C-alpha atoms as a PDB file:
ATOM      1  CA  MET A   1       2.648   1.022 -30.250  1.00  0.00           C
ATOM      2  CA  LYS A   2       4.474   0.510 -33.536  1.00  0.00           C
ATOM      3  CA  SER A   3       7.957   0.298 -32.005  1.00  0.00           C
ATOM      4  CA  GLU A   4       9.878   0.299 -28.735  1.00  0.00           C
ATOM      5  CA  GLU A   5      11.209   3.795 -29.490  1.00  0.00           C
ATOM      6  CA  GLN A   6       7.680   5.140 -29.868  1.00  0.00           C
ATOM      7  CA  PHE A   7       6.743   3.535 -26.556  1.00  0.00           C
ATOM      8  CA  LEU A   8       9.714   5.170 -24.838  1.00  0.00           C
ATOM      9  CA  GLU A   9       8.793   8.538 -26.363  1.00  0.00           C
ATOM     10  CA  LEU A  10       5.293   8.144 -24.941  1.00  0.00           C
ATOM     11  CA  ILE A  11       6.734   7.435 -21.487  1.00  0.00           C
ATOM     12  CA  ASP A  12       8.989  10.505 -21.809  1.00  0.00           C
ATOM     13  CA  SER A  13       5.936  12.661 -22.516  1.00  0.00           C
ATOM     14  CA  TYR A  14       4.573  11.845 -19.048  1.00  0.00           C
ATOM     15  CA  PHE A  15       7.790  11.427 -17.052  1.00  0.00           C
ATOM     16  CA  PRO A  16      10.573  13.993 -17.631  1.00  0.00           C
ATOM     17  CA  ARG A  17      14.126  12.660 -17.699  1.00  0.00           C
ATOM     18  CA  ASP A  18      15.478  15.458 -15.491  1.00  0.00           C
ATOM     19  CA  HIS A  19      14.536  15.677 -11.814  1.00  0.00           C
ATOM     20  CA  GLU A  20      16.144  17.018  -8.641  1.00  0.00           C
ATOM     21  CA  PHE A  21      16.643  13.463  -7.341  1.00  0.00           C
ATOM     22  CA  LEU A  22      18.397  12.266 -10.520  1.00  0.00           C
ATOM     23  CA  LYS A  23      22.062  13.043 -11.078  1.00  0.00           C
ATOM     24  CA  LEU A  24      21.741  11.095 -14.318  1.00  0.00           C
ATOM     25  CA  GLY A  25      18.315  10.372 -15.773  1.00  0.00           C
ATOM     26  CA  ARG A  26      16.977   7.685 -18.066  1.00  0.00           C
ATOM     27  CA  GLY A  27      18.824   6.948 -21.290  1.00  0.00           C
ATOM     28  CA  ASP A  28      22.158   5.556 -20.091  1.00  0.00           C
ATOM     29  CA  ASP A  29      22.872   1.998 -18.908  1.00  0.00           C
ATOM     30  CA  CYS A  30      21.848   3.107 -15.414  1.00  0.00           C
ATOM     31  CA  ALA A  31      20.284   6.147 -13.807  1.00  0.00           C
ATOM     32  CA  VAL A  32      22.083   7.808 -10.906  1.00  0.00           C
ATOM     33  CA  ILE A  33      19.882   8.713  -7.929  1.00  0.00           C
ATOM     34  CA  SER A  34      20.954  11.445  -5.524  1.00  0.00           C
ATOM     35  CA  GLY A  35      19.882  10.998  -1.928  1.00  0.00           C
ATOM     36  CA  SER A  36      21.112  10.326   1.587  1.00  0.00           C
ATOM     37  CA  LYS A  37      23.702   7.655   2.335  1.00  0.00           C
ATOM     38  CA  ASP A  38      20.916   5.221   3.245  1.00  0.00           C
ATOM     39  CA  LEU A  39      18.054   4.481   0.856  1.00  0.00           C
ATOM     40  CA  CYS A  40      15.070   2.232   1.521  1.00  0.00           C
ATOM     41  CA  VAL A  41      14.084   0.101  -1.462  1.00  0.00           C
ATOM     42  CA  SER A  42      10.935  -1.928  -2.143  1.00  0.00           C
ATOM     43  CA  SER A  43       9.476  -3.810  -5.123  1.00  0.00           C
ATOM     44  CA  ASP A  44       5.994  -4.991  -6.078  1.00  0.00           C
ATOM     45  CA  LEU A  45       4.437  -6.904  -8.950  1.00  0.00           C
ATOM     46  CA  PHE A  46       1.034  -5.939 -10.358  1.00  0.00           C
ATOM     47  CA  LEU A  47      -0.164  -8.688 -12.697  1.00  0.00           C
ATOM     48  CA  GLU A  48      -3.266  -9.157 -14.823  1.00  0.00           C
ATOM     49  CA  ASP A  49      -5.672 -11.770 -13.428  1.00  0.00           C
ATOM     50  CA  VAL A  50      -3.595 -12.028 -10.243  1.00  0.00           C
ATOM     51  CA  HIS A  51      -3.750  -8.513  -8.790  1.00  0.00           C
ATOM     52  CA  PHE A  52      -6.309  -6.932 -11.111  1.00  0.00           C
ATOM     53  CA  ARG A  53      -8.813  -7.695 -13.865  1.00  0.00           C
ATOM     54  CA  HIS A  54      -9.547  -5.549 -16.892  1.00  0.00           C
ATOM     55  CA  ASP A  55     -13.247  -6.318 -16.293  1.00  0.00           C
ATOM     56  CA  TYR A  56     -13.408  -3.758 -13.493  1.00  0.00           C
ATOM     57  CA  PHE A  57     -10.029  -1.968 -13.449  1.00  0.00           C
ATOM     58  CA  SER A  58      -9.739   0.953 -15.855  1.00  0.00           C
ATOM     59  CA  ALA A  59      -6.376   1.860 -17.391  1.00  0.00           C
ATOM     60  CA  GLU A  60      -6.250   4.814 -14.978  1.00  0.00           C
ATOM     61  CA  ASP A  61      -6.931   2.525 -12.002  1.00  0.00           C
ATOM     62  CA  ILE A  62      -4.109   0.180 -13.031  1.00  0.00           C
ATOM     63  CA  GLY A  63      -1.576   2.976 -13.492  1.00  0.00           C
ATOM     64  CA  TYR A  64      -2.508   4.561 -10.180  1.00  0.00           C
ATOM     65  CA  LYS A  65      -2.577   1.408  -8.060  1.00  0.00           C
ATOM     66  CA  ALA A  66       0.610  -0.095  -9.501  1.00  0.00           C
ATOM     67  CA  LEU A  67       2.519   2.870  -8.062  1.00  0.00           C
ATOM     68  CA  ALA A  68       0.343   3.445  -4.988  1.00  0.00           C
ATOM     69  CA  VAL A  69       1.074   0.021  -3.483  1.00  0.00           C
ATOM     70  CA  ASN A  70       4.793   0.788  -3.638  1.00  0.00           C
ATOM     71  CA  LEU A  71       4.293   4.220  -2.100  1.00  0.00           C
ATOM     72  CA  SER A  72       2.516   2.520   0.792  1.00  0.00           C
ATOM     73  CA  ASP A  73       5.704   0.552   1.551  1.00  0.00           C
ATOM     74  CA  ILE A  74       7.618   3.832   1.728  1.00  0.00           C
ATOM     75  CA  ALA A  75       4.949   5.234   4.072  1.00  0.00           C
ATOM     76  CA  GLY A  76       5.355   2.158   6.253  1.00  0.00           C
ATOM     77  CA  MET A  77       9.022   3.059   6.766  1.00  0.00           C
ATOM     78  CA  GLY A  78       8.178   6.647   7.735  1.00  0.00           C
ATOM     79  CA  ALA A  79      10.198   7.661   4.676  1.00  0.00           C
ATOM     80  CA  LYS A  80      10.028  10.080   1.730  1.00  0.00           C
ATOM     81  CA  PRO A  81       9.855   8.615  -1.791  1.00  0.00           C
ATOM     82  CA  ILE A  82      12.307  10.030  -4.324  1.00  0.00           C
ATOM     83  CA  ALA A  83      12.359   7.755  -7.397  1.00  0.00           C
ATOM     84  CA  PHE A  84      11.121   4.519  -8.929  1.00  0.00           C
ATOM     85  CA  THR A  85      11.804   2.187 -11.832  1.00  0.00           C
ATOM     86  CA  MET A  86       9.147   0.415 -13.896  1.00  0.00           C
ATOM     87  CA  ASP A  87       9.279  -2.796 -15.921  1.00  0.00           C
ATOM     88  CA  LEU A  88       6.334  -3.405 -18.238  1.00  0.00           C
ATOM     89  CA  MET A  89       4.989  -6.655 -19.699  1.00  0.00           C
ATOM     90  CA  VAL A  90       3.294  -5.447 -22.889  1.00  0.00           C
ATOM     91  CA  PRO A  91       0.601  -7.516 -24.664  1.00  0.00           C
ATOM     92  CA  THR A  92      -0.251  -6.615 -28.245  1.00  0.00           C
ATOM     93  CA  ASP A  93      -3.979  -6.070 -27.654  1.00  0.00           C
ATOM     94  CA  LEU A  94      -3.623  -2.852 -25.616  1.00  0.00           C
ATOM     95  CA  ASP A  95      -3.855   0.272 -27.760  1.00  0.00           C
ATOM     96  CA  GLU A  96      -2.276   3.717 -27.433  1.00  0.00           C
ATOM     97  CA  GLU A  97      -5.345   5.112 -25.669  1.00  0.00           C
ATOM     98  CA  PHE A  98      -4.882   2.557 -22.884  1.00  0.00           C
ATOM     99  CA  TRP A  99      -1.218   3.489 -22.448  1.00  0.00           C
ATOM    100  CA  ASN A 100      -1.934   7.216 -22.402  1.00  0.00           C
ATOM    101  CA  LYS A 101      -4.494   6.752 -19.634  1.00  0.00           C
ATOM    102  CA  PHE A 102      -2.249   4.349 -17.715  1.00  0.00           C
ATOM    103  CA  LEU A 103       0.790   6.631 -17.852  1.00  0.00           C
ATOM    104  CA  LYS A 104      -1.150   9.834 -17.176  1.00  0.00           C
ATOM    105  CA  SER A 105      -2.693   8.410 -13.996  1.00  0.00           C
ATOM    106  CA  MET A 106       0.633   7.063 -12.743  1.00  0.00           C
ATOM    107  CA  SER A 107       2.491  10.277 -13.570  1.00  0.00           C
ATOM    108  CA  MET A 108      -0.038  12.374 -11.637  1.00  0.00           C
ATOM    109  CA  LEU A 109       0.527  10.266  -8.522  1.00  0.00           C
ATOM    110  CA  ALA A 110       4.305  10.495  -9.022  1.00  0.00           C
ATOM    111  CA  LYS A 111       4.114  14.295  -9.287  1.00  0.00           C
ATOM    112  CA  GLN A 112       1.976  14.524  -6.162  1.00  0.00           C
ATOM    113  CA  ASN A 113       4.794  12.761  -4.306  1.00  0.00           C
ATOM    114  CA  ASP A 114       7.656  14.564  -6.125  1.00  0.00           C
ATOM    115  CA  MET A 115       9.089  11.325  -7.550  1.00  0.00           C
ATOM    116  CA  ALA A 116      11.262  10.663 -10.585  1.00  0.00           C
ATOM    117  CA  LEU A 117      10.941   7.719 -12.966  1.00  0.00           C
ATOM    118  CA  ALA A 118      14.575   6.599 -13.041  1.00  0.00           C
ATOM    119  CA  GLY A 119      14.330   3.834 -15.661  1.00  0.00           C
ATOM    120  CA  GLY A 120      12.953   0.415 -16.426  1.00  0.00           C
ATOM    121  CA  ASP A 121      12.421  -2.113 -19.188  1.00  0.00           C
ATOM    122  CA  LEU A 122       9.831  -3.271 -21.749  1.00  0.00           C
ATOM    123  CA  SER A 123       9.010  -6.734 -23.017  1.00  0.00           C
ATOM    124  CA  ARG A 124       6.243  -8.358 -25.052  1.00  0.00           C
ATOM    125  CA  ALA A 125       4.057 -10.698 -23.028  1.00  0.00           C
ATOM    126  CA  ASP A 126       0.814 -12.650 -23.279  1.00  0.00           C
ATOM    127  CA  LYS A 127      -0.699 -10.724 -20.341  1.00  0.00           C
ATOM    128  CA  PHE A 128      -0.158  -7.263 -18.934  1.00  0.00           C
ATOM    129  CA  GLY A 129       2.020  -6.789 -15.871  1.00  0.00           C
ATOM    130  CA  VAL A 130       3.980  -4.071 -14.065  1.00  0.00           C
ATOM    131  CA  SER A 131       6.977  -4.463 -11.784  1.00  0.00           C
ATOM    132  CA  ILE A 132       7.952  -1.361  -9.835  1.00  0.00           C
ATOM    133  CA  SER A 133      10.938  -0.757  -7.572  1.00  0.00           C
ATOM    134  CA  ILE A 134      10.797   2.335  -5.389  1.00  0.00           C
ATOM    135  CA  PHE A 135      13.472   4.265  -3.486  1.00  0.00           C
ATOM    136  CA  GLY A 136      13.086   6.498  -0.436  1.00  0.00           C
ATOM    137  CA  VAL A 137      15.080   8.509   2.084  1.00  0.00           C
ATOM    138  CA  ALA A 138      14.513   8.758   5.822  1.00  0.00           C
ATOM    139  CA  GLY A 139      11.909  11.281   6.924  1.00  0.00           C
ATOM    140  CA  GLY A 140      10.621  12.655  10.198  1.00  0.00           C
ATOM    141  CA  SER A 141      13.187  11.686  12.834  1.00  0.00           C
ATOM    142  CA  GLY A 142      15.866  10.941  10.231  1.00  0.00           C
ATOM    143  CA  GLN A 143      15.528   7.205  10.858  1.00  0.00           C
ATOM    144  CA  PHE A 144      13.561   4.482   9.105  1.00  0.00           C
ATOM    145  CA  LEU A 145      10.715   2.923  11.086  1.00  0.00           C
ATOM    146  CA  THR A 146      10.987  -0.868  11.123  1.00  0.00           C
ATOM    147  CA  ARG A 147       9.248  -3.960  12.415  1.00  0.00           C
ATOM    148  CA  GLY A 148      10.178  -6.011  15.461  1.00  0.00           C
ATOM    149  CA  LYS A 149      10.740  -3.056  17.811  1.00  0.00           C
ATOM    150  CA  CYS A 150       7.639  -3.528  19.983  1.00  0.00           C
ATOM    151  CA  LYS A 151       7.718  -4.032  23.738  1.00  0.00           C
ATOM    152  CA  PRO A 152       5.023  -5.378  26.064  1.00  0.00           C
ATOM    153  CA  GLY A 153       2.674  -2.595  27.085  1.00  0.00           C
ATOM    154  CA  ASP A 154       3.122  -0.599  23.879  1.00  0.00           C
ATOM    155  CA  THR A 155      -0.036   0.835  22.349  1.00  0.00           C
ATOM    156  CA  LEU A 156      -0.967  -0.481  18.901  1.00  0.00           C
ATOM    157  CA  PHE A 157      -2.685   1.792  16.405  1.00  0.00           C
ATOM    158  CA  THR A 158      -3.763   1.944  12.781  1.00  0.00           C
ATOM    159  CA  VAL A 159      -4.275   4.721  10.256  1.00  0.00           C
ATOM    160  CA  GLY A 160      -6.793   3.873   7.546  1.00  0.00           C
ATOM    161  CA  ASP A 161      -9.834   1.633   7.111  1.00  0.00           C
ATOM    162  CA  LEU A 162      -9.464  -2.059   7.905  1.00  0.00           C
ATOM    163  CA  GLY A 163     -11.344  -4.527   5.714  1.00  0.00           C
ATOM    164  CA  LEU A 164     -12.701  -1.907   3.321  1.00  0.00           C
ATOM    165  CA  ALA A 165     -10.610  -2.982   0.331  1.00  0.00           C
ATOM    166  CA  ARG A 166     -11.456  -6.639   1.066  1.00  0.00           C
ATOM    167  CA  ALA A 167     -15.148  -5.793   0.906  1.00  0.00           C
ATOM    168  CA  GLY A 168     -14.512  -3.969  -2.371  1.00  0.00           C
ATOM    169  CA  LEU A 169     -12.588  -6.833  -3.932  1.00  0.00           C
ATOM    170  CA  MET A 170     -15.138  -9.462  -2.961  1.00  0.00           C
ATOM    171  CA  THR A 171     -17.953  -7.271  -4.288  1.00  0.00           C
ATOM    172  CA  LEU A 172     -16.177  -6.766  -7.621  1.00  0.00           C
ATOM    173  CA  GLU A 173     -15.406 -10.469  -7.903  1.00  0.00           C
ATOM    174  CA  ALA A 174     -19.077 -11.302  -7.313  1.00  0.00           C
ATOM    175  CA  PHE A 175     -20.696  -8.584  -9.442  1.00  0.00           C
ATOM    176  CA  GLY A 176     -17.965  -7.276 -11.765  1.00  0.00           C
ATOM    177  CA  ALA A 177     -18.112  -3.602 -12.718  1.00  0.00           C
ATOM    178  CA  LYS A 178     -21.759  -3.439 -11.524  1.00  0.00           C
ATOM    179  CA  GLY A 179     -20.411  -3.823  -7.986  1.00  0.00           C
ATOM    180  CA  LYS A 180     -19.182  -0.225  -8.102  1.00  0.00           C
ATOM    181  CA  GLU A 181     -22.754   0.918  -7.463  1.00  0.00           C
ATOM    182  CA  ILE A 182     -23.235  -1.290  -4.396  1.00  0.00           C
ATOM    183  CA  PHE A 183     -20.440  -0.317  -1.993  1.00  0.00           C
ATOM    184  CA  PRO A 184     -18.726   2.733  -3.541  1.00  0.00           C
ATOM    185  CA  SER A 185     -16.354   3.447  -0.630  1.00  0.00           C
ATOM    186  CA  ALA A 186     -15.183  -0.157  -0.592  1.00  0.00           C
ATOM    187  CA  ILE A 187     -14.688  -0.185  -4.360  1.00  0.00           C
ATOM    188  CA  ARG A 188     -12.612   3.013  -4.227  1.00  0.00           C
ATOM    189  CA  ALA A 189     -10.493   1.536  -1.445  1.00  0.00           C
ATOM    190  CA  HIS A 190      -9.666  -1.448  -3.641  1.00  0.00           C
ATOM    191  CA  LEU A 191      -9.145   0.371  -6.938  1.00  0.00           C
ATOM    192  CA  ARG A 192      -7.528   3.573  -5.663  1.00  0.00           C
ATOM    193  CA  PRO A 193      -5.878   3.037  -2.242  1.00  0.00           C
ATOM    194  CA  LYS A 194      -4.456   6.218  -0.715  1.00  0.00           C
ATOM    195  CA  PRO A 195      -0.800   5.835   0.318  1.00  0.00           C
ATOM    196  CA  LYS A 196      -0.246   7.571   3.652  1.00  0.00           C
ATOM    197  CA  VAL A 197       3.231   8.961   2.975  1.00  0.00           C
ATOM    198  CA  LEU A 198       2.781  12.269   4.819  1.00  0.00           C
ATOM    199  CA  ILE A 199       1.213  10.597   7.851  1.00  0.00           C
ATOM    200  CA  GLY A 200       4.054   8.059   7.920  1.00  0.00           C
ATOM    201  CA  SER A 201       6.561  10.903   8.071  1.00  0.00           C
ATOM    202  CA  LEU A 202       4.554  12.661  10.808  1.00  0.00           C
ATOM    203  CA  LEU A 203       4.459   9.460  12.859  1.00  0.00           C
ATOM    204  CA  ASN A 204       8.209   9.128  12.391  1.00  0.00           C
ATOM    205  CA  ALA A 205       8.702  12.648  13.759  1.00  0.00           C
ATOM    206  CA  ALA A 206       6.317  11.874  16.648  1.00  0.00           C
ATOM    207  CA  GLY A 207       8.647   9.152  17.933  1.00  0.00           C
ATOM    208  CA  VAL A 208       6.567   6.014  17.401  1.00  0.00           C
ATOM    209  CA  ARG A 209       8.322   2.727  18.135  1.00  0.00           C
ATOM    210  CA  GLY A 210       7.738   1.136  14.730  1.00  0.00           C
ATOM    211  CA  LEU A 211       5.513   1.184  11.673  1.00  0.00           C
ATOM    212  CA  MET A 212       4.497  -0.999   8.736  1.00  0.00           C
ATOM    213  CA  ASP A 213       2.085  -0.964   5.832  1.00  0.00           C
ATOM    214  CA  ILE A 214      -0.817  -3.419   6.065  1.00  0.00           C
ATOM    215  CA  SER A 215      -1.006  -5.103   2.678  1.00  0.00           C
ATOM    216  CA  ASP A 216      -1.905  -8.715   3.541  1.00  0.00           C
ATOM    217  CA  GLY A 217      -4.444  -7.937   6.264  1.00  0.00           C
ATOM    218  CA  LEU A 218      -4.054  -7.238   9.975  1.00  0.00           C
ATOM    219  CA  ALA A 219      -4.299 -10.915  10.984  1.00  0.00           C
ATOM    220  CA  ARG A 220      -1.245 -11.815   8.880  1.00  0.00           C
ATOM    221  CA  ASP A 221       0.740  -8.593   9.136  1.00  0.00           C
ATOM    222  CA  LEU A 222       0.453  -7.951  12.882  1.00  0.00           C
ATOM    223  CA  PRO A 223       2.473 -11.061  13.880  1.00  0.00           C
ATOM    224  CA  ARG A 224       5.153  -9.977  11.360  1.00  0.00           C
ATOM    225  CA  PHE A 225       5.203  -6.565  12.989  1.00  0.00           C
ATOM    226  CA  LEU A 226       5.411  -7.878  16.558  1.00  0.00           C
ATOM    227  CA  GLY A 227       7.996 -10.575  15.975  1.00  0.00           C
ATOM    228  CA  PRO A 228       7.912 -14.204  17.199  1.00  0.00           C
ATOM    229  CA  ASP A 229       7.858 -13.658  20.981  1.00  0.00           C
ATOM    230  CA  LEU A 230       5.002 -11.186  21.466  1.00  0.00           C
ATOM    231  CA  GLY A 231       1.241 -11.081  20.973  1.00  0.00           C
ATOM    232  CA  ALA A 232      -1.555  -8.554  21.132  1.00  0.00           C
ATOM    233  CA  HIS A 233      -4.906  -7.869  22.720  1.00  0.00           C
ATOM    234  CA  LEU A 234      -7.073  -5.877  20.304  1.00  0.00           C
ATOM    235  CA  THR A 235     -10.359  -4.071  20.816  1.00  0.00           C
ATOM    236  CA  ILE A 236     -12.089  -3.392  17.494  1.00  0.00           C
ATOM    237  CA  PRO A 237     -15.817  -2.683  17.867  1.00  0.00           C
ATOM    238  CA  ALA A 238     -17.981  -3.003  14.766  1.00  0.00           C
ATOM    239  CA  SER A 239     -19.092   0.596  15.362  1.00  0.00           C
ATOM    240  CA  SER A 240     -15.525   1.779  14.598  1.00  0.00           C
ATOM    241  CA  LEU A 241     -15.559   0.255  11.088  1.00  0.00           C
ATOM    242  CA  ASN A 242     -16.477   1.889   7.800  1.00  0.00           C
ATOM    243  CA  GLY A 243     -20.188   1.483   7.068  1.00  0.00           C
ATOM    244  CA  ASN A 244     -19.473  -0.320   3.791  1.00  0.00           C
ATOM    245  CA  VAL A 245     -17.537  -2.995   5.712  1.00  0.00           C
ATOM    246  CA  VAL A 246     -20.443  -3.542   8.094  1.00  0.00           C
ATOM    247  CA  ALA A 247     -23.036  -3.586   5.309  1.00  0.00           C
ATOM    248  CA  PHE A 248     -20.979  -6.006   3.210  1.00  0.00           C
ATOM    249  CA  ALA A 249     -20.402  -8.366   6.146  1.00  0.00           C
ATOM    250  CA  LEU A 250     -24.057  -8.421   7.119  1.00  0.00           C
ATOM    251  CA  GLY A 251     -24.976  -9.060   3.489  1.00  0.00           C
ATOM    252  CA  VAL A 252     -22.861 -12.221   3.389  1.00  0.00           C
ATOM    253  CA  ASN A 253     -23.743 -13.255   6.959  1.00  0.00           C
ATOM    254  CA  THR A 254     -20.230 -12.667   8.314  1.00  0.00           C
ATOM    255  CA  ASP A 255     -18.921 -10.850  11.388  1.00  0.00           C
ATOM    256  CA  PRO A 256     -17.796  -7.339  10.325  1.00  0.00           C
ATOM    257  CA  VAL A 257     -14.868  -7.462  12.740  1.00  0.00           C
ATOM    258  CA  GLU A 258     -13.651 -10.678  11.116  1.00  0.00           C
ATOM    259  CA  VAL A 259     -13.765  -8.999   7.683  1.00  0.00           C
ATOM    260  CA  ALA A 260     -11.763  -6.076   9.097  1.00  0.00           C
ATOM    261  CA  VAL A 261      -9.106  -8.192  10.814  1.00  0.00           C
ATOM    262  CA  LEU A 262      -8.632 -10.542   7.854  1.00  0.00           C
ATOM    263  CA  GLY A 263      -8.547  -7.568   5.483  1.00  0.00           C
ATOM    264  CA  GLY A 264      -6.174  -7.676   2.520  1.00  0.00           C
ATOM    265  CA  GLU A 265      -4.827  -4.804   0.413  1.00  0.00           C
ATOM    266  CA  ASP A 266      -5.822  -2.329   3.126  1.00  0.00           C
ATOM    267  CA  TYR A 267      -2.692  -0.212   2.575  1.00  0.00           C
ATOM    268  CA  ALA A 268      -3.350   1.220   6.003  1.00  0.00           C
ATOM    269  CA  LEU A 269      -0.550   1.820   8.495  1.00  0.00           C
ATOM    270  CA  LEU A 270       0.046  -0.263  11.629  1.00  0.00           C
ATOM    271  CA  GLY A 271       2.231   1.130  14.377  1.00  0.00           C
ATOM    272  CA  ALA A 272       3.292   0.861  17.995  1.00  0.00           C
ATOM    273  CA  VAL A 273       4.113   3.615  20.438  1.00  0.00           C
ATOM    274  CA  ALA A 274       5.545   3.526  23.960  1.00  0.00           C
ATOM    275  CA  PRO A 275       3.188   4.768  26.710  1.00  0.00           C
ATOM    276  CA  ASP A 276       5.393   7.810  27.389  1.00  0.00           C
ATOM    277  CA  ASP A 277       5.130   8.930  23.744  1.00  0.00           C
ATOM    278  CA  LEU A 278       1.426   8.209  23.252  1.00  0.00           C
ATOM    279  CA  GLU A 279       0.175  11.771  23.767  1.00  0.00           C
ATOM    280  CA  LYS A 280       2.505  13.161  21.081  1.00  0.00           C
ATOM    281  CA  ALA A 281       1.686  10.368  18.642  1.00  0.00           C
ATOM    282  CA  THR A 282      -2.092  10.805  18.999  1.00  0.00           C
ATOM    283  CA  SER A 283      -1.745  14.340  17.638  1.00  0.00           C
ATOM    284  CA  VAL A 284      -1.191  12.758  14.185  1.00  0.00           C
ATOM    285  CA  PRO A 285      -4.453  12.816  12.159  1.00  0.00           C
ATOM    286  CA  ASP A 286      -6.680   9.758  11.678  1.00  0.00           C
ATOM    287  CA  MET A 287      -4.934   7.498  14.194  1.00  0.00           C
ATOM    288  CA  THR A 288      -7.108   4.782  15.766  1.00  0.00           C
ATOM    289  CA  ILE A 289      -5.886   2.931  18.866  1.00  0.00           C
ATOM    290  CA  ILE A 290      -6.675  -0.780  18.492  1.00  0.00           C
ATOM    291  CA  GLY A 291      -4.916  -2.525  21.377  1.00  0.00           C
ATOM    292  CA  THR A 292      -1.828  -3.395  23.385  1.00  0.00           C
ATOM    293  CA  VAL A 293       1.285  -5.509  22.888  1.00  0.00           C
ATOM    294  CA  THR A 294       1.426  -8.515  25.258  1.00  0.00           C
ATOM    295  CA  GLU A 295       4.173 -10.804  26.522  1.00  0.00           C
ATOM    296  CA  SER A 296       2.134 -13.881  25.590  1.00  0.00           C
ATOM    297  CA  THR A 297       2.006 -14.795  21.915  1.00  0.00           C
ATOM    298  CA  GLY A 298      -1.200 -14.993  19.924  1.00  0.00           C
ATOM    299  CA  LEU A 299      -3.877 -12.585  18.854  1.00  0.00           C
ATOM    300  CA  ILE A 300      -6.888 -11.828  21.050  1.00  0.00           C
ATOM    301  CA  VAL A 301      -9.641  -9.777  19.403  1.00  0.00           C
ATOM    302  CA  ASN A 302     -12.498  -8.444  21.523  1.00  0.00           C
ATOM    303  CA  GLY A 303     -11.691 -10.965  24.245  1.00  0.00           C
ATOM    304  CA  LYS A 304     -11.511 -14.054  22.001  1.00  0.00           C
ATOM    305  CA  PRO A 305      -8.562 -15.822  20.292  1.00  0.00           C
ATOM    306  CA  PHE A 306      -8.367 -15.012  16.587  1.00  0.00           C
ATOM    307  CA  VAL A 307      -6.881 -17.930  14.667  1.00  0.00           C
ATOM    308  CA  ALA A 308      -7.645 -17.165  10.986  1.00  0.00           C
ATOM    309  CA  THR A 309      -4.470 -16.027   9.206  1.00  0.00           C
ATOM    310  CA  GLY A 310      -5.728 -14.020   6.250  1.00  0.00           C
ATOM    311  CA  PHE A 311      -4.239 -13.535   2.800  1.00  0.00           C
ATOM    312  CA  ASP A 312      -1.418 -15.715   1.454  1.00  0.00           C
ATOM    313  CA  HIS A 313       0.206 -14.918  -1.936  1.00  0.00           C
ATOM    314  CA  PHE A 314       0.382 -18.629  -2.829  1.00  0.00           C
ATOM    315  CA  ASN A 315      -3.191 -19.600  -1.902  1.00  0.00           C
END
């Protein structure tokens, strides 16, 4: 890009300034978002050599995933996304072709979810990075689904493949772009996760107790979901896992269930439902029951304590 104005014009060509959820679009000091009284808000960073590598992420992959991970947070609240803002760290070595592909991929995902780009900022940087903040309104029951609402005896469930993105990431790290030919389902799960916004809204309407998006792996996110005074007994047979997870685990001499529970960047949904509401909730597509909330703390998986904690942003 020759100038900031040209960059902004390029963004405008993919993201219109007028939208039903914008009372005032981009171009003023602030945008004005129309919505309900309560809005849910989430933010995520997507940084070169931390969250992705140009070696195996295309420009389209980066644009898609940078927005998809935020959409997954909205899904985890049982909410409907309405708008987002985007801050870009812009290195000088990325050409206009890269930005066209990046913005086109992101704009297609935004249109699929009827979202407006409300604003953002640009800055030169040594490496590429994206910071997105996303806004949503309550869906389904009219309430947001939150963590810490579980009770002993509740049924725990997931929607989405556990461990698949972890298998994809570890394959790409070991083999680079050539890894895409080894475990294609796992690679797609890592590069192009599918945010489950519609299913989150359906679960909200079905009266589930709570919901969250699994981004750091089940082992780390489940205790956050339960709260400090509860635990869980999980039953996750290897036969229930995606075949790429099993094949990857066997290839590195690891238990497939351990790969699934440790996970990381699954962008699946984790939820709890009271026994009286279970029948209604199981009518939602792709739900998998994985266990039960217990009064005793700790995580038991297939009859054995599970002590590994999974992904940590600072390790």
